[in-house]
Amino acid sequence: MSNHCPTCNGVIYNRRCKTCGYCGAELPAQLLFTAAEIEAIDKEAAVLAAFHQKQKAEIELEDLKRQLARQQPSVFSTSYFFGKL
């Protein structure tokens, strides 16, 4: 099966759209995603988005921990023993 429009031979870059992005011709059903394929793609995209959101939250938490650790006074600084001078 070719991923080209039968009318203009342009590449079909979105198999969800029922029309060709180049010439506007209606695409045959065999060139489009089925409803089941679209549903599977959407589910996979949702899983990936949740995974990336969790990773981002973990990275942000680690960054916050590093920032807080830098703010803690060192035991070797005078402010640790005597407060701010």
Protein backbone atom coordinates (compact mmCIF):
# COMPACT_ATOMS: atom_id res chain seq x y z
CA MET A 1 0.00 0.00 0.00
CA SER A 2 1.36 3.38 -0.98
CA ASN A 3 1.25 6.35 1.36
CA HIS A 4 0.62 8.70 -1.54
CA CYS A 5 -2.55 10.42 -2.68
CA PRO A 6 -3.96 8.59 -5.71
CA THR A 7 -5.00 11.92 -7.25
CA CYS A 8 -1.84 14.05 -6.97
CA ASN A 9 0.72 11.49 -5.75
CA GLY A 10 1.52 13.74 -2.77
CA VAL A 11 2.68 12.10 0.45
CA ILE A 12 -0.12 11.49 2.94
CA TYR A 13 1.28 13.05 6.08
CA ASN A 14 -1.83 12.60 8.24
CA ARG A 15 -3.78 9.37 7.91
CA ARG A 16 -6.50 10.71 10.23
CA CYS A 17 -7.61 13.36 7.72
CA LYS A 18 -10.06 12.21 5.09
CA THR A 19 -8.70 14.63 2.49
CA CYS A 20 -5.29 15.09 0.91
CA GLY A 21 -3.28 17.93 2.43
CA TYR A 22 -1.97 18.93 -1.00
CA CYS A 23 -4.84 18.73 -3.48
CA GLY A 24 -7.84 18.37 -1.16
CA ALA A 25 -9.07 15.18 -2.83
CA GLU A 26 -10.93 12.70 -0.67
CA LEU A 27 -8.65 9.80 0.30
CA PRO A 28 -9.76 6.17 0.00
CA ALA A 29 -10.64 4.44 3.28
CA GLN A 30 -7.82 1.89 2.89
CA LEU A 31 -5.27 4.73 3.17
CA LEU A 32 -6.73 6.07 6.42
CA PHE A 33 -6.38 4.82 9.99
CA THR A 34 -9.33 2.80 11.24
CA ALA A 35 -11.21 3.88 14.36
CA ALA A 36 -9.50 1.07 16.30
CA GLU A 37 -6.05 2.21 15.13
CA ILE A 38 -6.81 5.81 16.12
CA GLU A 39 -7.99 4.66 19.55
CA ALA A 40 -4.82 2.58 20.06
CA ILE A 41 -2.61 5.49 18.99
CA ASP A 42 -4.44 7.87 21.33
CA LYS A 43 -4.10 5.44 24.26
CA GLU A 44 -0.38 5.03 23.61
CA ALA A 45 0.05 8.79 23.39
CA ALA A 46 -1.75 9.21 26.73
CA VAL A 47 0.48 6.61 28.39
CA LEU A 48 3.60 8.31 27.03
CA ALA A 49 2.36 11.73 28.15
CA ALA A 50 1.75 10.43 31.68
CA PHE A 51 5.19 8.82 31.75
CA HIS A 52 6.88 12.04 30.64
CA GLN A 53 4.86 14.08 33.13
CA LYS A 54 6.00 11.75 35.93
CA GLN A 55 9.63 12.01 34.79
CA LYS A 56 9.39 15.80 34.68
CA ALA A 57 7.97 15.89 38.21
CA GLU A 58 10.78 13.65 39.48
CA ILE A 59 13.42 15.85 37.83
CA GLU A 60 11.84 18.99 39.30
CA LEU A 61 11.82 17.37 42.76
CA GLU A 62 15.51 16.48 42.45
CA ASP A 63 16.30 20.04 41.34
CA LEU A 64 14.42 21.42 44.33
CA LYS A 65 16.30 19.10 46.68
CA ARG A 66 19.61 20.28 45.18
CA GLN A 67 18.59 23.93 45.60
CA LEU A 68 17.63 23.35 49.23
CA ALA A 69 20.87 21.50 49.91
CA ARG A 70 22.84 24.50 48.58
CA GLN A 71 20.93 26.81 50.90
CA GLN A 72 21.85 24.83 54.03
CA PRO A 73 24.80 26.41 55.85
CA SER A 74 27.98 24.41 55.90
CA VAL A 75 29.26 23.15 59.26
CA PHE A 76 32.52 24.88 58.36
CA SER A 77 31.01 28.35 57.98
CA THR A 78 30.93 30.84 60.83
CA SER A 79 27.22 31.42 60.31
CA TYR A 80 26.61 27.80 61.26
CA PHE A 81 27.98 28.42 64.76
CA PHE A 82 27.31 32.12 65.31
CA GLY A 83 24.36 32.92 63.04
CA LYS A 84 24.47 35.76 60.53
CA LEU A 85 27.13 38.28 61.53
